[in-house]
C-alpha atoms as a PDB file:
ATOM      1  CA  MET A   1       3.559  24.771   6.758  1.00  0.00           C
ATOM      2  CA  MET A   2       2.807  21.470   8.491  1.00  0.00           C
ATOM      3  CA  GLN A   3       0.221  19.297   6.782  1.00  0.00           C
ATOM      4  CA  GLU A   4      -2.868  18.409   8.791  1.00  0.00           C
ATOM      5  CA  GLU A   5      -3.140  14.755   9.794  1.00  0.00           C
ATOM      6  CA  THR A   6      -5.852  12.889   7.884  1.00  0.00           C
ATOM      7  CA  VAL A   7      -7.497   9.483   8.045  1.00  0.00           C
ATOM      8  CA  LEU A   8      -5.075   8.442   5.290  1.00  0.00           C
ATOM      9  CA  HIS A   9      -2.120   9.352   7.505  1.00  0.00           C
ATOM     10  CA  ARG A  10      -3.676   7.128  10.185  1.00  0.00           C
ATOM     11  CA  TRP A  11      -4.167   4.311   7.630  1.00  0.00           C
ATOM     12  CA  PHE A  12      -0.540   4.263   6.498  1.00  0.00           C
ATOM     13  CA  ASP A  13       0.833   4.731  10.009  1.00  0.00           C
ATOM     14  CA  GLU A  14      -1.249   2.070  11.730  1.00  0.00           C
ATOM     15  CA  VAL A  15      -1.772  -0.506   8.960  1.00  0.00           C
ATOM     16  CA  TRP A  16       1.648  -0.340   7.311  1.00  0.00           C
ATOM     17  CA  ASN A  17       4.200   1.322   9.608  1.00  0.00           C
ATOM     18  CA  ASN A  18       2.903  -0.151  12.879  1.00  0.00           C
ATOM     19  CA  LYS A  19       1.806  -3.362  11.084  1.00  0.00           C
ATOM     20  CA  ARG A  20      -1.487  -3.395  13.028  1.00  0.00           C
ATOM     21  CA  GLU A  21      -3.819  -5.685  11.085  1.00  0.00           C
ATOM     22  CA  SER A  22      -6.785  -4.860  13.353  1.00  0.00           C
ATOM     23  CA  ALA A  23      -6.677  -1.287  11.994  1.00  0.00           C
ATOM     24  CA  ILE A  24      -7.776  -2.701   8.628  1.00  0.00           C
ATOM     25  CA  ASP A  25     -11.154  -3.643  10.131  1.00  0.00           C
ATOM     26  CA  GLU A  26     -11.392  -0.247  11.829  1.00  0.00           C
ATOM     27  CA  LEU A  27     -10.739   1.788   8.672  1.00  0.00           C
ATOM     28  CA  LEU A  28     -11.799  -0.380   5.733  1.00  0.00           C
ATOM     29  CA  ALA A  29     -15.375  -1.342   4.819  1.00  0.00           C
ATOM     30  CA  ALA A  30     -15.980  -5.097   4.803  1.00  0.00           C
ATOM     31  CA  ASP A  31     -17.169  -4.918   1.168  1.00  0.00           C
ATOM     32  CA  SER A  32     -14.500  -2.463  -0.006  1.00  0.00           C
ATOM     33  CA  ILE A  33     -13.139  -2.510  -3.555  1.00  0.00           C
ATOM     34  CA  HIS A  34      -9.396  -2.153  -4.319  1.00  0.00           C
ATOM     35  CA  HIS A  35      -8.151  -1.384  -7.814  1.00  0.00           C
ATOM     36  CA  GLY A  36      -4.491  -1.831  -8.775  1.00  0.00           C
ATOM     37  CA  LEU A  37      -3.411  -4.518  -6.278  1.00  0.00           C
ATOM     38  CA  GLY A  38      -4.872  -7.626  -7.926  1.00  0.00           C
ATOM     39  CA  GLY A  39      -1.953  -8.800  -9.999  1.00  0.00           C
ATOM     40  CA  PRO A  40      -0.931  -8.585 -13.648  1.00  0.00           C
ATOM     41  CA  GLU A  41      -4.359  -9.516 -14.988  1.00  0.00           C
ATOM     42  CA  GLY A  42      -5.805  -6.443 -13.280  1.00  0.00           C
ATOM     43  CA  GLN A  43      -8.245  -8.278 -11.042  1.00  0.00           C
ATOM     44  CA  VAL A  44     -10.099  -6.128  -8.538  1.00  0.00           C
ATOM     45  CA  MET A  45      -9.467  -7.044  -4.917  1.00  0.00           C
ATOM     46  CA  ARG A  46     -12.580  -7.039  -2.746  1.00  0.00           C
ATOM     47  CA  GLY A  47     -13.162  -6.859   0.999  1.00  0.00           C
ATOM     48  CA  THR A  48     -11.070  -6.850   4.121  1.00  0.00           C
ATOM     49  CA  ALA A  49     -10.175 -10.558   3.874  1.00  0.00           C
ATOM     50  CA  ASP A  50      -8.535 -10.106   0.447  1.00  0.00           C
ATOM     51  CA  PHE A  51      -6.762  -6.968   1.615  1.00  0.00           C
ATOM     52  CA  LYS A  52      -5.477  -8.701   4.757  1.00  0.00           C
ATOM     53  CA  GLN A  53      -4.031 -11.472   2.588  1.00  0.00           C
ATOM     54  CA  PHE A  54      -2.187  -8.860   0.477  1.00  0.00           C
ATOM     55  CA  HIS A  55      -1.082  -7.012   3.655  1.00  0.00           C
ATOM     56  CA  ARG A  56       0.324 -10.183   5.276  1.00  0.00           C
ATOM     57  CA  ALA A  57       2.188 -11.202   2.113  1.00  0.00           C
ATOM     58  CA  PHE A  58       3.728  -7.760   1.558  1.00  0.00           C
ATOM     59  CA  LEU A  59       4.810  -7.413   5.196  1.00  0.00           C
ATOM     60  CA  ALA A  60       6.215 -10.952   5.131  1.00  0.00           C
ATOM     61  CA  ALA A  61       8.345  -9.976   2.118  1.00  0.00           C
ATOM     62  CA  PHE A  62       9.341  -6.591   3.621  1.00  0.00           C
ATOM     63  CA  PRO A  63       9.261  -6.894   7.440  1.00  0.00           C
ATOM     64  CA  ASP A  64      10.893  -3.466   7.863  1.00  0.00           C
ATOM     65  CA  LEU A  65       8.437  -1.760   5.478  1.00  0.00           C
ATOM     66  CA  GLU A  66       7.941   1.957   5.996  1.00  0.00           C
ATOM     67  CA  VAL A  67       5.503   4.205   4.138  1.00  0.00           C
ATOM     68  CA  THR A  68       5.987   7.970   4.202  1.00  0.00           C
ATOM     69  CA  VAL A  69       2.955  10.061   3.290  1.00  0.00           C
ATOM     70  CA  GLU A  70       4.338  12.944   1.255  1.00  0.00           C
ATOM     71  CA  ASP A  71       1.069  14.748   0.412  1.00  0.00           C
ATOM     72  CA  VAL A  72      -2.683  14.350   0.952  1.00  0.00           C
ATOM     73  CA  VAL A  73      -5.464  16.201  -0.830  1.00  0.00           C
ATOM     74  CA  SER A  74      -9.021  15.750   0.394  1.00  0.00           C
ATOM     75  CA  ASP A  75     -12.535  17.097   0.121  1.00  0.00           C
ATOM     76  CA  GLY A  76     -13.658  15.083   3.173  1.00  0.00           C
ATOM     77  CA  ARG A  77     -15.111  12.206   1.134  1.00  0.00           C
ATOM     78  CA  LYS A  78     -12.342  11.610  -1.404  1.00  0.00           C
ATOM     79  CA  PHE A  79      -8.701  11.426  -0.314  1.00  0.00           C
ATOM     80  CA  VAL A  80      -5.622  11.281  -2.530  1.00  0.00           C
ATOM     81  CA  ALA A  81      -2.195  10.489  -1.074  1.00  0.00           C
ATOM     82  CA  ARG A  82       1.274  10.500  -2.598  1.00  0.00           C
ATOM     83  CA  CYS A  83       3.594   8.135  -0.738  1.00  0.00           C
ATOM     84  CA  THR A  84       7.113   6.756  -0.683  1.00  0.00           C
ATOM     85  CA  VAL A  85       7.527   3.065   0.188  1.00  0.00           C
ATOM     86  CA  ARG A  86      10.819   1.716   1.565  1.00  0.00           C
ATOM     87  CA  GLY A  87      11.901  -1.672   2.824  1.00  0.00           C
ATOM     88  CA  THR A  88      14.261  -4.621   2.577  1.00  0.00           C
ATOM     89  CA  HIS A  89      13.215  -7.828   0.811  1.00  0.00           C
ATOM     90  CA  THR A  90      14.208 -10.353   3.484  1.00  0.00           C
ATOM     91  CA  GLY A  91      11.135 -12.577   3.709  1.00  0.00           C
ATOM     92  CA  GLU A  92       8.743 -14.755   1.749  1.00  0.00           C
ATOM     93  CA  GLY A  93       5.557 -13.199   0.407  1.00  0.00           C
ATOM     94  CA  LEU A  94       6.380 -12.319  -3.190  1.00  0.00           C
ATOM     95  CA  PRO A  95       6.540 -14.859  -6.016  1.00  0.00           C
ATOM     96  CA  ILE A  96      10.357 -14.633  -5.835  1.00  0.00           C
ATOM     97  CA  ALA A  97      12.814 -15.745  -3.152  1.00  0.00           C
ATOM     98  CA  PRO A  98      14.076 -13.060  -0.743  1.00  0.00           C
ATOM     99  CA  THR A  99      16.851 -11.011  -2.344  1.00  0.00           C
ATOM    100  CA  GLY A 100      18.051  -8.971   0.634  1.00  0.00           C
ATOM    101  CA  ARG A 101      17.787  -5.867  -1.566  1.00  0.00           C
ATOM    102  CA  ARG A 102      16.415  -2.491  -0.494  1.00  0.00           C
ATOM    103  CA  ILE A 103      13.481  -0.993  -2.333  1.00  0.00           C
ATOM    104  CA  GLU A 104      12.254   2.567  -2.577  1.00  0.00           C
ATOM    105  CA  PHE A 105       9.393   3.518  -4.865  1.00  0.00           C
ATOM    106  CA  THR A 106       6.502   5.951  -4.954  1.00  0.00           C
ATOM    107  CA  GLY A 107       2.802   5.729  -5.524  1.00  0.00           C
ATOM    108  CA  ILE A 108      -0.521   7.448  -5.381  1.00  0.00           C
ATOM    109  CA  GLY A 109      -3.770   6.161  -3.945  1.00  0.00           C
ATOM    110  CA  MET A 110      -7.220   7.690  -4.277  1.00  0.00           C
ATOM    111  CA  CYS A 111      -9.824   6.601  -1.741  1.00  0.00           C
ATOM    112  CA  ILE A 112     -13.533   7.119  -1.227  1.00  0.00           C
ATOM    113  CA  TYR A 113     -14.341   7.478   2.487  1.00  0.00           C
ATOM    114  CA  GLU A 114     -17.924   7.035   3.722  1.00  0.00           C
ATOM    115  CA  ASP A 115     -19.393   6.455   7.190  1.00  0.00           C
ATOM    116  CA  GLY A 116     -15.951   6.309   8.804  1.00  0.00           C
ATOM    117  CA  LYS A 117     -14.417   3.722   6.439  1.00  0.00           C
ATOM    118  CA  PHE A 118     -12.705   3.494   3.069  1.00  0.00           C
ATOM    119  CA  VAL A 119     -15.108   1.923   0.566  1.00  0.00           C
ATOM    120  CA  GLU A 120     -13.206   2.094  -2.732  1.00  0.00           C
ATOM    121  CA  VAL A 121      -9.516   2.618  -3.493  1.00  0.00           C
ATOM    122  CA  TRP A 122      -7.513   3.128  -6.692  1.00  0.00           C
ATOM    123  CA  ASN A 123      -3.789   2.310  -6.297  1.00  0.00           C
ATOM    124  CA  GLU A 124      -1.091   3.469  -8.707  1.00  0.00           C
ATOM    125  CA  TYR A 125       2.203   2.338  -7.164  1.00  0.00           C
ATOM    126  CA  ASP A 126       5.426   1.899  -9.117  1.00  0.00           C
ATOM    127  CA  PHE A 127       5.707  -1.875  -8.684  1.00  0.00           C
ATOM    128  CA  MET A 128       7.780  -2.003 -11.904  1.00  0.00           C
ATOM    129  CA  LYS A 129      10.465   0.053 -10.139  1.00  0.00           C
ATOM    130  CA  MET A 130      10.193  -2.207  -7.072  1.00  0.00           C
ATOM    131  CA  TYR A 131      10.713  -5.357  -9.165  1.00  0.00           C
ATOM    132  CA  SER A 132      13.569  -3.670 -11.059  1.00  0.00           C
ATOM    133  CA  GLN A 133      15.265  -2.879  -7.733  1.00  0.00           C
ATOM    134  CA  LEU A 134      14.790  -6.520  -6.686  1.00  0.00           C
ATOM    135  CA  GLY A 135      16.607  -7.605  -9.875  1.00  0.00           C
ATOM    136  CA  VAL A 136      13.573  -9.343 -11.377  1.00  0.00           C
ATOM    137  CA  LEU A 137      13.237  -6.952 -14.315  1.00  0.00           C
ATOM    138  CA  SER A 138      16.140  -5.820 -16.444  1.00  0.00           C
ATOM    139  CA  LEU A 139      14.734  -2.310 -16.683  1.00  0.00           C
ATOM    140  CA  ASN A 140      16.605   0.704 -15.395  1.00  0.00           C
ATOM    141  CA  LEU A 141      13.821   2.789 -13.857  1.00  0.00           C
ATOM    142  CA  GLU A 142      15.949   4.675 -11.337  1.00  0.00           C
END
């Protein structure tokens, strides 16, 4: 059975796969809160400006980035998506030089959606696996 398209499908397609930064302003509240993307100290990222900075850096590092939405569960206000992220590390944007290596890792995001925009997001992506695939960590997480 084909899964119904959701606002989260639109988010990943437009913001990440089509690399359309203007979609961030269309879908994300200006005062949004983002958990899980703020670095090793666990800082909370806030607002569209902070998210755009993260978006630019990640796309610079992985210009061919592609996100596949595997599943979405929603009650209309809260959305949860399971995704697979793929790309090639050919650009600057991470705190390491480009490696030319391919990455493929999974993650889950839970979002609160109000008045046509995402207002709060919790991200649980397997960045440890990504860094292992880039050769930065000596962990075998395959």
